[in-house]
């Protein structure tokens, strides 16, 4: 497994699309933090509370989740597109070991980059908003929560990329599932509609970033629900990866 991880790490750091996608994620987090924190600061009647400053700082998370999901798709689908998956499977005939190595390498890189980007975004936002007080424990919680959420979005993309094996199709699917359909679910009427919306992908998963629950879920239970969605995509992709030809 060490050799597989070393190989996947080499792929991640040597492929331009991967490096650029991680860079875009960080730029989105930092850029939106500066823009929205400045906008909130200019329209505020008084000092901005610390929790509100942190929330404004992480407003770029929605677009960053799309870039991370796209990266997750590319980790696997790009090999199918170029035919490189055949070489990878010749080197690692055990397909589940190869997929596990990809997941482990991706999670490690994504978690570090996203958590650091979130901490930087909060730092920029706080410097612009200048709240009267801020709790460092809340800063750490929000940074780690953002790292976990964005990493889960990337894994969702990786699972769908393994399942669909076609880069544009997988990207469209992941955008629909983490951005479009959750918004549509919020418009469903009645109590059943609110329940469906509360448990739908990123509606549940994003609670870990804000640290606030909804009527049905808390931050960590919401993230657990999102991980169930992610696991369903990854497991489905793994099953088909074992059954289909490269």
C-alpha atoms as a PDB file:
ATOM      1  CA  UNK A   1       0.000   0.000   0.000  1.00  0.00           C
ATOM      2  CA  UNK A   2       2.928   2.375   0.650  1.00  0.00           C
ATOM      3  CA  UNK A   3       4.019   2.067  -2.972  1.00  0.00           C
ATOM      4  CA  UNK A   4       0.462   2.758  -4.161  1.00  0.00           C
ATOM      5  CA  UNK A   5       0.226   5.843  -1.965  1.00  0.00           C
ATOM      6  CA  UNK A   6       3.588   7.065  -3.228  1.00  0.00           C
ATOM      7  CA  UNK A   7       2.428   6.584  -6.803  1.00  0.00           C
ATOM      8  CA  UNK A   8      -0.855   8.426  -6.238  1.00  0.00           C
ATOM      9  CA  UNK A   9       0.945  11.258  -4.480  1.00  0.00           C
ATOM     10  CA  UNK A  10       3.245  11.567  -7.494  1.00  0.00           C
ATOM     11  CA  UNK A  11       0.220  11.764  -9.796  1.00  0.00           C
ATOM     12  CA  UNK A  12      -1.453  14.439  -7.680  1.00  0.00           C
ATOM     13  CA  UNK A  13       1.554  16.737  -7.429  1.00  0.00           C
ATOM     14  CA  UNK A  14       2.759  16.269 -11.009  1.00  0.00           C
ATOM     15  CA  UNK A  15      -0.506  16.708 -12.934  1.00  0.00           C
ATOM     16  CA  UNK A  16      -1.168  20.353 -13.787  1.00  0.00           C
ATOM     17  CA  UNK A  17      -4.956  20.105 -13.565  1.00  0.00           C
ATOM     18  CA  UNK A  18      -4.717  18.853  -9.988  1.00  0.00           C
ATOM     19  CA  UNK A  19      -2.375  21.610  -8.875  1.00  0.00           C
ATOM     20  CA  UNK A  20      -4.433  24.290 -10.592  1.00  0.00           C
ATOM     21  CA  UNK A  21      -7.706  22.994  -9.120  1.00  0.00           C
ATOM     22  CA  UNK A  22      -6.262  23.088  -5.609  1.00  0.00           C
ATOM     23  CA  UNK A  23      -4.974  26.595  -6.302  1.00  0.00           C
ATOM     24  CA  UNK A  24      -8.406  27.697  -7.534  1.00  0.00           C
ATOM     25  CA  UNK A  25      -9.983  26.296  -4.362  1.00  0.00           C
ATOM     26  CA  UNK A  26      -7.645  28.336  -2.162  1.00  0.00           C
ATOM     27  CA  UNK A  27      -8.101  31.477  -4.279  1.00  0.00           C
ATOM     28  CA  UNK A  28     -11.882  31.161  -4.112  1.00  0.00           C
ATOM     29  CA  UNK A  29     -11.799  30.801  -0.332  1.00  0.00           C
ATOM     30  CA  UNK A  30      -9.424  33.737   0.184  1.00  0.00           C
ATOM     31  CA  UNK A  31     -10.909  35.989  -2.505  1.00  0.00           C
ATOM     32  CA  UNK A  32     -14.527  35.647  -1.451  1.00  0.00           C
ATOM     33  CA  UNK A  33     -13.517  36.129   2.164  1.00  0.00           C
ATOM     34  CA  UNK A  34     -11.948  39.483   1.326  1.00  0.00           C
ATOM     35  CA  UNK A  35     -14.804  40.618  -0.920  1.00  0.00           C
ATOM     36  CA  UNK A  36     -17.729  39.633   1.269  1.00  0.00           C
ATOM     37  CA  UNK A  37     -16.081  40.655   4.520  1.00  0.00           C
ATOM     38  CA  UNK A  38     -15.365  44.088   3.047  1.00  0.00           C
ATOM     39  CA  UNK A  39     -18.960  44.344   1.813  1.00  0.00           C
ATOM     40  CA  UNK A  40     -20.364  43.323   5.200  1.00  0.00           C
ATOM     41  CA  UNK A  41     -18.043  45.740   6.980  1.00  0.00           C
ATOM     42  CA  UNK A  42     -19.060  48.664   4.770  1.00  0.00           C
ATOM     43  CA  UNK A  43     -22.795  48.116   5.305  1.00  0.00           C
ATOM     44  CA  UNK A  44     -22.729  47.275   9.032  1.00  0.00           C
ATOM     45  CA  UNK A  45     -24.138  49.820  11.464  1.00  0.00           C
ATOM     46  CA  UNK A  46     -21.744  48.801  14.211  1.00  0.00           C
ATOM     47  CA  UNK A  47     -19.085  46.250  15.121  1.00  0.00           C
ATOM     48  CA  UNK A  48     -19.572  42.872  13.476  1.00  0.00           C
ATOM     49  CA  UNK A  49     -19.867  39.964  15.959  1.00  0.00           C
ATOM     50  CA  UNK A  50     -17.108  37.384  15.849  1.00  0.00           C
ATOM     51  CA  UNK A  51     -19.356  34.529  14.724  1.00  0.00           C
ATOM     52  CA  UNK A  52     -20.758  36.631  11.890  1.00  0.00           C
ATOM     53  CA  UNK A  53     -17.243  37.601  10.802  1.00  0.00           C
ATOM     54  CA  UNK A  54     -16.275  33.910  10.619  1.00  0.00           C
ATOM     55  CA  UNK A  55     -19.416  33.086   8.645  1.00  0.00           C
ATOM     56  CA  UNK A  56     -18.725  35.843   6.099  1.00  0.00           C
ATOM     57  CA  UNK A  57     -15.127  34.690   5.797  1.00  0.00           C
ATOM     58  CA  UNK A  58     -16.200  31.215   4.680  1.00  0.00           C
ATOM     59  CA  UNK A  59     -18.717  32.355   2.062  1.00  0.00           C
ATOM     60  CA  UNK A  60     -16.491  31.082  -0.732  1.00  0.00           C
ATOM     61  CA  UNK A  61     -17.044  27.524   0.428  1.00  0.00           C
ATOM     62  CA  UNK A  62     -19.923  26.941  -1.992  1.00  0.00           C
ATOM     63  CA  UNK A  63     -17.809  27.544  -5.101  1.00  0.00           C
ATOM     64  CA  UNK A  64     -14.799  25.883  -3.492  1.00  0.00           C
ATOM     65  CA  UNK A  65     -16.918  22.751  -3.006  1.00  0.00           C
ATOM     66  CA  UNK A  66     -17.486  22.650  -6.779  1.00  0.00           C
ATOM     67  CA  UNK A  67     -13.774  22.903  -7.519  1.00  0.00           C
ATOM     68  CA  UNK A  68     -12.964  20.150  -5.022  1.00  0.00           C
ATOM     69  CA  UNK A  69     -15.718  17.929  -6.428  1.00  0.00           C
ATOM     70  CA  UNK A  70     -14.292  18.510  -9.899  1.00  0.00           C
ATOM     71  CA  UNK A  71     -10.859  17.550  -8.625  1.00  0.00           C
ATOM     72  CA  UNK A  72     -12.281  14.353  -7.157  1.00  0.00           C
ATOM     73  CA  UNK A  73     -13.770  13.479 -10.524  1.00  0.00           C
ATOM     74  CA  UNK A  74     -10.481  14.146 -12.326  1.00  0.00           C
ATOM     75  CA  UNK A  75      -8.491  11.934  -9.947  1.00  0.00           C
ATOM     76  CA  UNK A  76     -10.101   8.859 -11.491  1.00  0.00           C
ATOM     77  CA  UNK A  77     -11.884   9.882 -14.705  1.00  0.00           C
ATOM     78  CA  UNK A  78      -8.794  11.432 -16.294  1.00  0.00           C
ATOM     79  CA  UNK A  79      -7.133   8.008 -16.251  1.00  0.00           C
ATOM     80  CA  UNK A  80     -10.112   6.471 -18.013  1.00  0.00           C
ATOM     81  CA  UNK A  81     -10.075   9.291 -20.577  1.00  0.00           C
ATOM     82  CA  UNK A  82      -6.401   8.871 -21.438  1.00  0.00           C
ATOM     83  CA  UNK A  83      -6.279   5.101 -21.035  1.00  0.00           C
ATOM     84  CA  UNK A  84      -3.809   5.444 -18.182  1.00  0.00           C
ATOM     85  CA  UNK A  85      -6.077   3.315 -16.013  1.00  0.00           C
ATOM     86  CA  UNK A  86      -4.858   0.240 -17.922  1.00  0.00           C
ATOM     87  CA  UNK A  87      -1.276   0.991 -16.927  1.00  0.00           C
ATOM     88  CA  UNK A  88      -2.347   1.581 -13.337  1.00  0.00           C
ATOM     89  CA  UNK A  89      -4.203  -1.739 -13.233  1.00  0.00           C
ATOM     90  CA  UNK A  90      -1.233  -3.560 -14.729  1.00  0.00           C
ATOM     91  CA  UNK A  91       0.913  -2.168 -11.908  1.00  0.00           C
ATOM     92  CA  UNK A  92      -1.783  -2.771  -9.267  1.00  0.00           C
ATOM     93  CA  UNK A  93      -4.021  -5.683 -10.361  1.00  0.00           C
ATOM     94  CA  UNK A  94      -6.068  -5.471  -7.151  1.00  0.00           C
ATOM     95  CA  UNK A  95      -8.545  -2.801  -8.157  1.00  0.00           C
ATOM     96  CA  UNK A  96      -9.801  -2.089  -4.666  1.00  0.00           C
ATOM     97  CA  UNK A  97      -6.250  -1.480  -3.468  1.00  0.00           C
ATOM     98  CA  UNK A  98      -5.773   1.010  -6.290  1.00  0.00           C
ATOM     99  CA  UNK A  99      -9.033   2.803  -5.473  1.00  0.00           C
ATOM    100  CA  UNK A 100      -8.220   2.813  -1.754  1.00  0.00           C
ATOM    101  CA  UNK A 101      -4.819   4.354  -2.490  1.00  0.00           C
ATOM    102  CA  UNK A 102      -6.443   7.089  -4.579  1.00  0.00           C
ATOM    103  CA  UNK A 103      -8.931   7.843  -1.815  1.00  0.00           C
ATOM    104  CA  UNK A 104      -6.286   7.974   0.922  1.00  0.00           C
ATOM    105  CA  UNK A 105      -3.942  10.212  -1.076  1.00  0.00           C
ATOM    106  CA  UNK A 106      -6.785  12.516  -2.082  1.00  0.00           C
ATOM    107  CA  UNK A 107      -8.152  12.827   1.464  1.00  0.00           C
ATOM    108  CA  UNK A 108      -4.727  13.663   2.898  1.00  0.00           C
ATOM    109  CA  UNK A 109      -3.965  16.364   0.315  1.00  0.00           C
ATOM    110  CA  UNK A 110      -7.482  17.802   0.305  1.00  0.00           C
ATOM    111  CA  UNK A 111      -7.803  18.003   4.073  1.00  0.00           C
ATOM    112  CA  UNK A 112      -4.529  19.884   4.491  1.00  0.00           C
ATOM    113  CA  UNK A 113      -5.109  22.314   1.624  1.00  0.00           C
ATOM    114  CA  UNK A 114      -8.753  23.028   2.465  1.00  0.00           C
ATOM    115  CA  UNK A 115      -8.227  23.446   6.215  1.00  0.00           C
ATOM    116  CA  UNK A 116      -5.296  25.816   5.650  1.00  0.00           C
ATOM    117  CA  UNK A 117      -7.283  27.757   3.024  1.00  0.00           C
ATOM    118  CA  UNK A 118     -10.235  28.038   5.423  1.00  0.00           C
ATOM    119  CA  UNK A 119      -7.987  29.259   8.243  1.00  0.00           C
ATOM    120  CA  UNK A 120      -6.446  31.806   5.880  1.00  0.00           C
ATOM    121  CA  UNK A 121      -9.896  32.945   4.752  1.00  0.00           C
ATOM    122  CA  UNK A 122     -10.954  33.453   8.365  1.00  0.00           C
ATOM    123  CA  UNK A 123      -7.755  35.373   9.051  1.00  0.00           C
ATOM    124  CA  UNK A 124      -8.419  37.717   6.126  1.00  0.00           C
ATOM    125  CA  UNK A 125     -12.068  38.147   7.072  1.00  0.00           C
ATOM    126  CA  UNK A 126     -11.295  38.915  10.697  1.00  0.00           C
ATOM    127  CA  UNK A 127      -8.579  41.387   9.701  1.00  0.00           C
ATOM    128  CA  UNK A 128     -11.084  43.248   7.508  1.00  0.00           C
ATOM    129  CA  UNK A 129     -14.144  43.008   9.798  1.00  0.00           C
ATOM    130  CA  UNK A 130     -12.247  43.646  13.045  1.00  0.00           C
ATOM    131  CA  UNK A 131     -14.831  42.128  15.419  1.00  0.00           C
ATOM    132  CA  UNK A 132     -14.573  43.205  19.077  1.00  0.00           C
ATOM    133  CA  UNK A 133     -13.800  39.622  20.122  1.00  0.00           C
ATOM    134  CA  UNK A 134     -13.345  36.232  18.546  1.00  0.00           C
ATOM    135  CA  UNK A 135     -12.962  32.774  20.036  1.00  0.00           C
ATOM    136  CA  UNK A 136      -9.973  30.817  18.791  1.00  0.00           C
ATOM    137  CA  UNK A 137     -11.830  27.592  19.489  1.00  0.00           C
ATOM    138  CA  UNK A 138     -14.526  28.674  17.036  1.00  0.00           C
ATOM    139  CA  UNK A 139     -11.870  29.540  14.463  1.00  0.00           C
ATOM    140  CA  UNK A 140     -10.341  26.066  14.796  1.00  0.00           C
ATOM    141  CA  UNK A 141     -13.767  24.406  14.621  1.00  0.00           C
ATOM    142  CA  UNK A 142     -14.766  26.338  11.497  1.00  0.00           C
ATOM    143  CA  UNK A 143     -11.422  25.659   9.784  1.00  0.00           C
ATOM    144  CA  UNK A 144     -11.543  21.930  10.475  1.00  0.00           C
ATOM    145  CA  UNK A 145     -15.245  21.779   9.604  1.00  0.00           C
ATOM    146  CA  UNK A 146     -14.601  23.480   6.268  1.00  0.00           C
ATOM    147  CA  UNK A 147     -11.713  21.118   5.555  1.00  0.00           C
ATOM    148  CA  UNK A 148     -13.875  18.087   6.293  1.00  0.00           C
ATOM    149  CA  UNK A 149     -16.805  19.386   4.244  1.00  0.00           C
ATOM    150  CA  UNK A 150     -14.731  20.275   1.173  1.00  0.00           C
ATOM    151  CA  UNK A 151     -12.880  16.958   1.376  1.00  0.00           C
ATOM    152  CA  UNK A 152     -16.216  15.129   1.498  1.00  0.00           C
ATOM    153  CA  UNK A 153     -17.326  17.061  -1.608  1.00  0.00           C
ATOM    154  CA  UNK A 154     -14.146  15.916  -3.333  1.00  0.00           C
ATOM    155  CA  UNK A 155     -14.788  12.305  -2.334  1.00  0.00           C
ATOM    156  CA  UNK A 156     -18.324  12.628  -3.683  1.00  0.00           C
ATOM    157  CA  UNK A 157     -16.798  13.653  -7.000  1.00  0.00           C
ATOM    158  CA  UNK A 158     -14.294  10.789  -6.863  1.00  0.00           C
ATOM    159  CA  UNK A 159     -17.087   8.298  -6.230  1.00  0.00           C
ATOM    160  CA  UNK A 160     -19.188   9.629  -9.101  1.00  0.00           C
ATOM    161  CA  UNK A 161     -16.127   9.737 -11.347  1.00  0.00           C
ATOM    162  CA  UNK A 162     -15.491   6.046 -10.611  1.00  0.00           C
ATOM    163  CA  UNK A 163     -19.152   5.272 -11.208  1.00  0.00           C
ATOM    164  CA  UNK A 164     -19.618   7.216 -14.456  1.00  0.00           C
ATOM    165  CA  UNK A 165     -16.017   7.160 -15.808  1.00  0.00           C
ATOM    166  CA  UNK A 166     -16.798  10.098 -18.113  1.00  0.00           C
ATOM    167  CA  UNK A 167     -15.401  13.428 -16.964  1.00  0.00           C
ATOM    168  CA  UNK A 168     -18.100  15.848 -18.254  1.00  0.00           C
ATOM    169  CA  UNK A 169     -20.918  13.524 -17.211  1.00  0.00           C
ATOM    170  CA  UNK A 170     -19.506  13.020 -13.717  1.00  0.00           C
ATOM    171  CA  UNK A 171     -18.925  16.761 -13.250  1.00  0.00           C
ATOM    172  CA  UNK A 172     -22.507  17.537 -14.305  1.00  0.00           C
ATOM    173  CA  UNK A 173     -23.797  14.876 -11.908  1.00  0.00           C
ATOM    174  CA  UNK A 174     -21.803  16.151  -8.964  1.00  0.00           C
ATOM    175  CA  UNK A 175     -22.804  19.778  -9.612  1.00  0.00           C
ATOM    176  CA  UNK A 176     -26.437  18.699  -9.706  1.00  0.00           C
ATOM    177  CA  UNK A 177     -26.142  16.731  -6.467  1.00  0.00           C
ATOM    178  CA  UNK A 178     -24.202  19.266  -4.396  1.00  0.00           C
ATOM    179  CA  UNK A 179     -25.540  22.553  -5.760  1.00  0.00           C
ATOM    180  CA  UNK A 180     -28.665  22.378  -7.925  1.00  0.00           C
ATOM    181  CA  UNK A 181     -30.826  19.656  -6.371  1.00  0.00           C
ATOM    182  CA  UNK A 182     -30.258  20.763  -2.746  1.00  0.00           C
ATOM    183  CA  UNK A 183     -31.632  24.189  -3.713  1.00  0.00           C
ATOM    184  CA  UNK A 184     -34.594  22.556  -5.444  1.00  0.00           C
ATOM    185  CA  UNK A 185     -35.213  20.378  -2.383  1.00  0.00           C
ATOM    186  CA  UNK A 186     -35.480  23.507  -0.237  1.00  0.00           C
ATOM    187  CA  UNK A 187     -38.544  24.505  -2.270  1.00  0.00           C
ATOM    188  CA  UNK A 188     -40.474  21.293  -1.586  1.00  0.00           C
ATOM    189  CA  UNK A 189     -43.737  21.941   0.294  1.00  0.00           C
ATOM    190  CA  UNK A 190     -44.946  20.589   3.611  1.00  0.00           C
ATOM    191  CA  UNK A 191     -43.291  18.703   6.445  1.00  0.00           C
ATOM    192  CA  UNK A 192     -42.081  15.917   4.149  1.00  0.00           C
ATOM    193  CA  UNK A 193     -40.434  18.489   1.920  1.00  0.00           C
ATOM    194  CA  UNK A 194     -38.574  20.025   4.844  1.00  0.00           C
ATOM    195  CA  UNK A 195     -37.396  16.580   5.931  1.00  0.00           C
ATOM    196  CA  UNK A 196     -36.152  15.679   2.455  1.00  0.00           C
ATOM    197  CA  UNK A 197     -34.372  19.022   2.167  1.00  0.00           C
ATOM    198  CA  UNK A 198     -32.740  18.665   5.588  1.00  0.00           C
ATOM    199  CA  UNK A 199     -31.268  15.258   4.712  1.00  0.00           C
ATOM    200  CA  UNK A 200     -30.265  16.056   1.121  1.00  0.00           C
ATOM    201  CA  UNK A 201     -26.500  15.978   0.417  1.00  0.00           C
ATOM    202  CA  UNK A 202     -24.910  19.379   1.045  1.00  0.00           C
ATOM    203  CA  UNK A 203     -27.915  20.748   2.920  1.00  0.00           C
ATOM    204  CA  UNK A 204     -26.930  18.295   5.644  1.00  0.00           C
ATOM    205  CA  UNK A 205     -23.164  18.317   5.087  1.00  0.00           C
ATOM    206  CA  UNK A 206     -22.680  22.087   5.219  1.00  0.00           C
ATOM    207  CA  UNK A 207     -23.972  22.222   8.797  1.00  0.00           C
ATOM    208  CA  UNK A 208     -20.517  21.185  10.016  1.00  0.00           C
ATOM    209  CA  UNK A 209     -19.098  24.413   8.565  1.00  0.00           C
ATOM    210  CA  UNK A 210     -21.539  26.761  10.289  1.00  0.00           C
ATOM    211  CA  UNK A 211     -21.639  24.730  13.497  1.00  0.00           C
ATOM    212  CA  UNK A 212     -25.411  25.231  13.662  1.00  0.00           C
ATOM    213  CA  UNK A 213     -28.021  22.548  13.187  1.00  0.00           C
ATOM    214  CA  UNK A 214     -31.464  22.636  11.608  1.00  0.00           C
ATOM    215  CA  UNK A 215     -34.780  21.286  12.850  1.00  0.00           C
ATOM    216  CA  UNK A 216     -33.762  17.686  12.118  1.00  0.00           C
ATOM    217  CA  UNK A 217     -29.972  17.474  12.380  1.00  0.00           C
ATOM    218  CA  UNK A 218     -27.050  18.871  14.308  1.00  0.00           C
ATOM    219  CA  UNK A 219     -23.730  19.839  12.733  1.00  0.00           C
ATOM    220  CA  UNK A 220     -22.055  16.443  13.160  1.00  0.00           C
ATOM    221  CA  UNK A 221     -25.148  14.323  12.532  1.00  0.00           C
ATOM    222  CA  UNK A 222     -25.710  16.353   9.361  1.00  0.00           C
ATOM    223  CA  UNK A 223     -22.138  15.680   8.279  1.00  0.00           C
ATOM    224  CA  UNK A 224     -22.670  11.966   9.004  1.00  0.00           C
ATOM    225  CA  UNK A 225     -25.702  12.006   6.695  1.00  0.00           C
ATOM    226  CA  UNK A 226     -23.605  13.619   3.978  1.00  0.00           C
ATOM    227  CA  UNK A 227     -20.898  10.999   4.454  1.00  0.00           C
ATOM    228  CA  UNK A 228     -23.588   8.352   3.894  1.00  0.00           C
ATOM    229  CA  UNK A 229     -24.335   9.941   0.519  1.00  0.00           C
ATOM    230  CA  UNK A 230     -20.618  10.018  -0.268  1.00  0.00           C
ATOM    231  CA  UNK A 231     -20.171   6.395   0.814  1.00  0.00           C
ATOM    232  CA  UNK A 232     -23.057   5.331  -1.426  1.00  0.00           C
ATOM    233  CA  UNK A 233     -21.360   6.951  -4.441  1.00  0.00           C
ATOM    234  CA  UNK A 234     -17.916   5.518  -3.624  1.00  0.00           C
ATOM    235  CA  UNK A 235     -19.205   1.993  -2.914  1.00  0.00           C
ATOM    236  CA  UNK A 236     -21.321   1.976  -6.091  1.00  0.00           C
ATOM    237  CA  UNK A 237     -18.309   3.083  -8.088  1.00  0.00           C
ATOM    238  CA  UNK A 238     -16.110   0.445  -6.431  1.00  0.00           C
ATOM    239  CA  UNK A 239     -18.582  -2.340  -7.242  1.00  0.00           C
ATOM    240  CA  UNK A 240     -18.730  -1.349 -10.905  1.00  0.00           C
ATOM    241  CA  UNK A 241     -14.959  -0.866 -11.043  1.00  0.00           C
ATOM    242  CA  UNK A 242     -14.533  -4.517 -10.066  1.00  0.00           C
ATOM    243  CA  UNK A 243     -17.096  -5.753 -12.593  1.00  0.00           C
ATOM    244  CA  UNK A 244     -16.333  -3.636 -15.661  1.00  0.00           C
ATOM    245  CA  UNK A 245     -13.424  -3.800 -18.042  1.00  0.00           C
ATOM    246  CA  UNK A 246     -10.905  -0.970 -17.936  1.00  0.00           C
END
